[in-house]
Amino acid sequence: MGEEILTLEEQKQILIDAYINLMRIKKVQKEVNEELEYQIKTTKVKLSTFGIDISELEF
């Protein structure tokens, strides 16, 4: 009841935004954060399943 179904494009955009936010956090981290690294890794896998090339998103 009242559930909103996201389109494929919306799902892709949410994942791209999540990846960019994770990379912003990583950029300001002074030390290695294992949970952050795991979240980045799993988000990369999810993006690759959609065929999204993230090489230009990394900074």
PDB file of N, CA and C in Angstrom:
ATOM      1  N   MET A   1       0.830  -1.175   0.000  1.00  0.00           N
ATOM      2  CA  MET A   1       0.000   0.000   0.000  1.00  0.00           C
ATOM      3  C   MET A   1       0.879   1.244   0.000  1.00  0.00           C
ATOM      4  N   GLY A   2       0.754   2.063  -1.020  1.00  0.00           N
ATOM      5  CA  GLY A   2       1.507   3.294  -1.090  1.00  0.00           C
ATOM      6  C   GLY A   2       2.985   3.114  -1.420  1.00  0.00           C
ATOM      7  N   GLU A   3       3.390   1.928  -1.860  1.00  0.00           N
ATOM      8  CA  GLU A   3       4.786   1.702  -2.189  1.00  0.00           C
ATOM      9  C   GLU A   3       5.111   2.356  -3.525  1.00  0.00           C
ATOM     10  N   GLU A   4       6.242   3.053  -3.545  1.00  0.00           N
ATOM     11  CA  GLU A   4       6.682   3.698  -4.767  1.00  0.00           C
ATOM     12  C   GLU A   4       7.726   2.809  -5.430  1.00  0.00           C
ATOM     13  N   ILE A   5       7.532   2.535  -6.700  1.00  0.00           N
ATOM     14  CA  ILE A   5       8.470   1.719  -7.454  1.00  0.00           C
ATOM     15  C   ILE A   5       9.374   2.648  -8.250  1.00  0.00           C
ATOM     16  N   LEU A   6      10.682   2.506  -8.028  1.00  0.00           N
ATOM     17  CA  LEU A   6      11.646   3.345  -8.724  1.00  0.00           C
ATOM     18  C   LEU A   6      11.909   2.802 -10.119  1.00  0.00           C
ATOM     19  N   THR A   7      12.068   3.727 -11.059  1.00  0.00           N
ATOM     20  CA  THR A   7      12.450   3.310 -12.407  1.00  0.00           C
ATOM     21  C   THR A   7      13.920   2.902 -12.397  1.00  0.00           C
ATOM     22  N   LEU A   8      14.337   2.238 -13.449  1.00  0.00           N
ATOM     23  CA  LEU A   8      15.726   1.830 -13.581  1.00  0.00           C
ATOM     24  C   LEU A   8      16.653   3.044 -13.558  1.00  0.00           C
ATOM     25  N   GLU A   9      16.258   4.097 -14.234  1.00  0.00           N
ATOM     26  CA  GLU A   9      17.077   5.317 -14.260  1.00  0.00           C
ATOM     27  C   GLU A   9      17.195   5.938 -12.866  1.00  0.00           C
ATOM     28  N   GLU A  10      16.117   5.916 -12.106  1.00  0.00           N
ATOM     29  CA  GLU A  10      16.160   6.448 -10.740  1.00  0.00           C
ATOM     30  C   GLU A  10      17.072   5.608  -9.861  1.00  0.00           C
ATOM     31  N   GLN A  11      17.015   4.297 -10.022  1.00  0.00           N
ATOM     32  CA  GLN A  11      17.884   3.413  -9.257  1.00  0.00           C
ATOM     33  C   GLN A  11      19.351   3.684  -9.582  1.00  0.00           C
ATOM     34  N   LYS A  12      19.641   3.859 -10.853  1.00  0.00           N
ATOM     35  CA  LYS A  12      21.015   4.158 -11.272  1.00  0.00           C
ATOM     36  C   LYS A  12      21.489   5.469 -10.660  1.00  0.00           C
ATOM     37  N   GLN A  13      20.649   6.491 -10.705  1.00  0.00           N
ATOM     38  CA  GLN A  13      21.032   7.798 -10.182  1.00  0.00           C
ATOM     39  C   GLN A  13      21.276   7.742  -8.678  1.00  0.00           C
ATOM     40  N   ILE A  14      20.467   7.003  -7.967  1.00  0.00           N
ATOM     41  CA  ILE A  14      20.649   6.857  -6.516  1.00  0.00           C
ATOM     42  C   ILE A  14      21.990   6.201  -6.219  1.00  0.00           C
ATOM     43  N   LEU A  15      22.336   5.170  -6.977  1.00  0.00           N
ATOM     44  CA  LEU A  15      23.626   4.498  -6.765  1.00  0.00           C
ATOM     45  C   LEU A  15      24.802   5.404  -7.110  1.00  0.00           C
ATOM     46  N   ILE A  16      24.685   6.153  -8.199  1.00  0.00           N
ATOM     47  CA  ILE A  16      25.751   7.095  -8.566  1.00  0.00           C
ATOM     48  C   ILE A  16      25.935   8.128  -7.467  1.00  0.00           C
ATOM     49  N   ASP A  17      24.845   8.677  -6.968  1.00  0.00           N
ATOM     50  CA  ASP A  17      24.917   9.667  -5.889  1.00  0.00           C
ATOM     51  C   ASP A  17      25.544   9.070  -4.632  1.00  0.00           C
ATOM     52  N   ALA A  18      25.169   7.835  -4.311  1.00  0.00           N
ATOM     53  CA  ALA A  18      25.727   7.169  -3.128  1.00  0.00           C
ATOM     54  C   ALA A  18      27.229   6.980  -3.294  1.00  0.00           C
ATOM     55  N   TYR A  19      27.653   6.557  -4.478  1.00  0.00           N
ATOM     56  CA  TYR A  19      29.079   6.353  -4.736  1.00  0.00           C
ATOM     57  C   TYR A  19      29.855   7.666  -4.605  1.00  0.00           C
ATOM     58  N   ILE A  20      29.319   8.719  -5.195  1.00  0.00           N
ATOM     59  CA  ILE A  20      29.983  10.026  -5.111  1.00  0.00           C
ATOM     60  C   ILE A  20      30.097  10.480  -3.660  1.00  0.00           C
ATOM     61  N   ASN A  21      29.047  10.294  -2.879  1.00  0.00           N
ATOM     62  CA  ASN A  21      29.091  10.675  -1.462  1.00  0.00           C
ATOM     63  C   ASN A  21      30.129   9.865  -0.697  1.00  0.00           C
ATOM     64  N   LEU A  22      30.207   8.575  -0.973  1.00  0.00           N
ATOM     65  CA  LEU A  22      31.213   7.740  -0.319  1.00  0.00           C
ATOM     66  C   LEU A  22      32.623   8.199  -0.683  1.00  0.00           C
ATOM     67  N   MET A  23      32.830   8.557  -1.937  1.00  0.00           N
ATOM     68  CA  MET A  23      34.149   9.030  -2.356  1.00  0.00           C
ATOM     69  C   MET A  23      34.499  10.367  -1.709  1.00  0.00           C
ATOM     70  N   ARG A  24      33.507  11.225  -1.502  1.00  0.00           N
ATOM     71  CA  ARG A  24      33.757  12.490  -0.799  1.00  0.00           C
ATOM     72  C   ARG A  24      34.204  12.236   0.637  1.00  0.00           C
ATOM     73  N   ILE A  25      33.537  11.284   1.277  1.00  0.00           N
ATOM     74  CA  ILE A  25      33.909  10.935   2.654  1.00  0.00           C
ATOM     75  C   ILE A  25      35.328  10.377   2.678  1.00  0.00           C
ATOM     76  N   LYS A  26      35.636   9.493   1.735  1.00  0.00           N
ATOM     77  CA  LYS A  26      36.972   8.888   1.692  1.00  0.00           C
ATOM     78  C   LYS A  26      38.051   9.949   1.511  1.00  0.00           C
ATOM     79  N   LYS A  27      37.760  10.950   0.703  1.00  0.00           N
ATOM     80  CA  LYS A  27      38.752  11.994   0.417  1.00  0.00           C
ATOM     81  C   LYS A  27      39.170  12.746   1.680  1.00  0.00           C
ATOM     82  N   VAL A  28      38.268  12.927   2.622  1.00  0.00           N
ATOM     83  CA  VAL A  28      38.595  13.684   3.827  1.00  0.00           C
ATOM     84  C   VAL A  28      39.038  12.797   4.996  1.00  0.00           C
ATOM     85  N   GLN A  29      38.944  11.484   4.827  1.00  0.00           N
ATOM     86  CA  GLN A  29      39.369  10.559   5.881  1.00  0.00           C
ATOM     87  C   GLN A  29      40.882  10.627   6.044  1.00  0.00           C
ATOM     88  N   LYS A  30      41.326  10.658   7.276  1.00  0.00           N
ATOM     89  CA  LYS A  30      42.756  10.684   7.563  1.00  0.00           C
ATOM     90  C   LYS A  30      43.327   9.281   7.724  1.00  0.00           C
ATOM     91  N   GLU A  31      42.475   8.319   8.011  1.00  0.00           N
ATOM     92  CA  GLU A  31      42.932   6.949   8.213  1.00  0.00           C
ATOM     93  C   GLU A  31      42.018   5.988   7.459  1.00  0.00           C
ATOM     94  N   VAL A  32      42.474   4.755   7.343  1.00  0.00           N
ATOM     95  CA  VAL A  32      41.699   3.742   6.636  1.00  0.00           C
ATOM     96  C   VAL A  32      40.462   3.389   7.446  1.00  0.00           C
ATOM     97  N   ASN A  33      39.326   3.361   6.766  1.00  0.00           N
ATOM     98  CA  ASN A  33      38.062   3.012   7.395  1.00  0.00           C
ATOM     99  C   ASN A  33      37.537   1.772   6.672  1.00  0.00           C
ATOM    100  N   GLU A  34      37.616   0.624   7.330  1.00  0.00           N
ATOM    101  CA  GLU A  34      37.243  -0.632   6.688  1.00  0.00           C
ATOM    102  C   GLU A  34      35.779  -0.653   6.244  1.00  0.00           C
ATOM    103  N   GLU A  35      34.887  -0.106   7.037  1.00  0.00           N
ATOM    104  CA  GLU A  35      33.467  -0.079   6.669  1.00  0.00           C
ATOM    105  C   GLU A  35      33.249   0.791   5.437  1.00  0.00           C
ATOM    106  N   LEU A  36      33.915   1.929   5.386  1.00  0.00           N
ATOM    107  CA  LEU A  36      33.812   2.810   4.222  1.00  0.00           C
ATOM    108  C   LEU A  36      34.323   2.099   2.975  1.00  0.00           C
ATOM    109  N   GLU A  37      35.462   1.437   3.098  1.00  0.00           N
ATOM    110  CA  GLU A  37      36.023   0.702   1.962  1.00  0.00           C
ATOM    111  C   GLU A  37      35.066  -0.390   1.486  1.00  0.00           C
ATOM    112  N   TYR A  38      34.421  -1.072   2.413  1.00  0.00           N
ATOM    113  CA  TYR A  38      33.462  -2.115   2.059  1.00  0.00           C
ATOM    114  C   TYR A  38      32.250  -1.511   1.341  1.00  0.00           C
ATOM    115  N   GLN A  39      31.762  -0.389   1.838  1.00  0.00           N
ATOM    116  CA  GLN A  39      30.616   0.273   1.200  1.00  0.00           C
ATOM    117  C   GLN A  39      30.967   0.731  -0.216  1.00  0.00           C
ATOM    118  N   ILE A  40      32.165   1.243  -0.402  1.00  0.00           N
ATOM    119  CA  ILE A  40      32.607   1.658  -1.731  1.00  0.00           C
ATOM    120  C   ILE A  40      32.673   0.445  -2.656  1.00  0.00           C
ATOM    121  N   LYS A  41      33.248  -0.630  -2.159  1.00  0.00           N
ATOM    122  CA  LYS A  41      33.390  -1.852  -2.951  1.00  0.00           C
ATOM    123  C   LYS A  41      32.029  -2.406  -3.385  1.00  0.00           C
ATOM    124  N   THR A  42      31.085  -2.478  -2.460  1.00  0.00           N
ATOM    125  CA  THR A  42      29.775  -3.026  -2.804  1.00  0.00           C
ATOM    126  C   THR A  42      28.999  -2.093  -3.733  1.00  0.00           C
ATOM    127  N   THR A  43      29.171  -0.799  -3.567  1.00  0.00           N
ATOM    128  CA  THR A  43      28.510   0.150  -4.463  1.00  0.00           C
ATOM    129  C   THR A  43      29.082   0.046  -5.872  1.00  0.00           C
ATOM    130  N   LYS A  44      30.402  -0.167  -5.975  1.00  0.00           N
ATOM    131  CA  LYS A  44      31.019  -0.369  -7.291  1.00  0.00           C
ATOM    132  C   LYS A  44      30.427  -1.591  -7.987  1.00  0.00           C
ATOM    133  N   VAL A  45      30.239  -2.668  -7.231  1.00  0.00           N
ATOM    134  CA  VAL A  45      29.665  -3.890  -7.800  1.00  0.00           C
ATOM    135  C   VAL A  45      28.250  -3.614  -8.292  1.00  0.00           C
ATOM    136  N   LYS A  46      27.468  -2.926  -7.496  1.00  0.00           N
ATOM    137  CA  LYS A  46      26.096  -2.611  -7.893  1.00  0.00           C
ATOM    138  C   LYS A  46      26.073  -1.760  -9.159  1.00  0.00           C
ATOM    139  N   LEU A  47      26.959  -0.769  -9.219  1.00  0.00           N
ATOM    140  CA  LEU A  47      27.028   0.088 -10.407  1.00  0.00           C
ATOM    141  C   LEU A  47      27.437  -0.719 -11.631  1.00  0.00           C
ATOM    142  N   SER A  48      28.369  -1.641 -11.460  1.00  0.00           N
ATOM    143  CA  SER A  48      28.816  -2.434 -12.599  1.00  0.00           C
ATOM    144  C   SER A  48      27.706  -3.343 -13.122  1.00  0.00           C
ATOM    145  N   THR A  49      26.795  -3.773 -12.244  1.00  0.00           N
ATOM    146  CA  THR A  49      25.681  -4.605 -12.717  1.00  0.00           C
ATOM    147  C   THR A  49      24.746  -3.814 -13.627  1.00  0.00           C
ATOM    148  N   PHE A  50      24.754  -2.498 -13.474  1.00  0.00           N
ATOM    149  CA  PHE A  50      23.962  -1.638 -14.353  1.00  0.00           C
ATOM    150  C   PHE A  50      24.768  -1.201 -15.578  1.00  0.00           C
ATOM    151  N   GLY A  51      26.037  -1.641 -15.649  1.00  0.00           N
ATOM    152  CA  GLY A  51      26.874  -1.281 -16.770  1.00  0.00           C
ATOM    153  C   GLY A  51      27.395   0.147 -16.709  1.00  0.00           C
ATOM    154  N   ILE A  52      27.480   0.702 -15.500  1.00  0.00           N
ATOM    155  CA  ILE A  52      27.924   2.083 -15.328  1.00  0.00           C
ATOM    156  C   ILE A  52      29.428   2.110 -15.106  1.00  0.00           C
ATOM    157  N   ASP A  53      30.139   2.854 -15.944  1.00  0.00           N
ATOM    158  CA  ASP A  53      31.596   3.016 -15.827  1.00  0.00           C
ATOM    159  C   ASP A  53      31.870   4.115 -14.815  1.00  0.00           C
ATOM    160  N   ILE A  54      32.496   3.743 -13.706  1.00  0.00           N
ATOM    161  CA  ILE A  54      32.743   4.724 -12.642  1.00  0.00           C
ATOM    162  C   ILE A  54      34.127   5.349 -12.715  1.00  0.00           C
ATOM    163  N   SER A  55      34.909   4.977 -13.704  1.00  0.00           N
ATOM    164  CA  SER A  55      36.291   5.471 -13.771  1.00  0.00           C
ATOM    165  C   SER A  55      36.363   6.999 -13.819  1.00  0.00           C
ATOM    166  N   GLU A  56      35.375   7.630 -14.386  1.00  0.00           N
ATOM    167  CA  GLU A  56      35.384   9.096 -14.450  1.00  0.00           C
ATOM    168  C   GLU A  56      34.804   9.740 -13.203  1.00  0.00           C
ATOM    169  N   LEU A  57      34.230   8.931 -12.310  1.00  0.00           N
ATOM    170  CA  LEU A  57      33.660   9.469 -11.075  1.00  0.00           C
ATOM    171  C   LEU A  57      34.675   9.496  -9.941  1.00  0.00           C
ATOM    172  N   GLU A  58      35.777   8.778 -10.087  1.00  0.00           N
ATOM    173  CA  GLU A  58      36.767   8.702  -9.025  1.00  0.00           C
ATOM    174  C   GLU A  58      37.616   9.958  -9.004  1.00  0.00           C
ATOM    175  N   PHE A  59      37.952  10.396  -7.791  1.00  0.00           N
ATOM    176  CA  PHE A  59      38.819  11.574  -7.645  1.00  0.00           C
ATOM    177  C   PHE A  59      39.783  11.378  -6.532  1.00  0.00           C
TER     178      PHE A  59
END
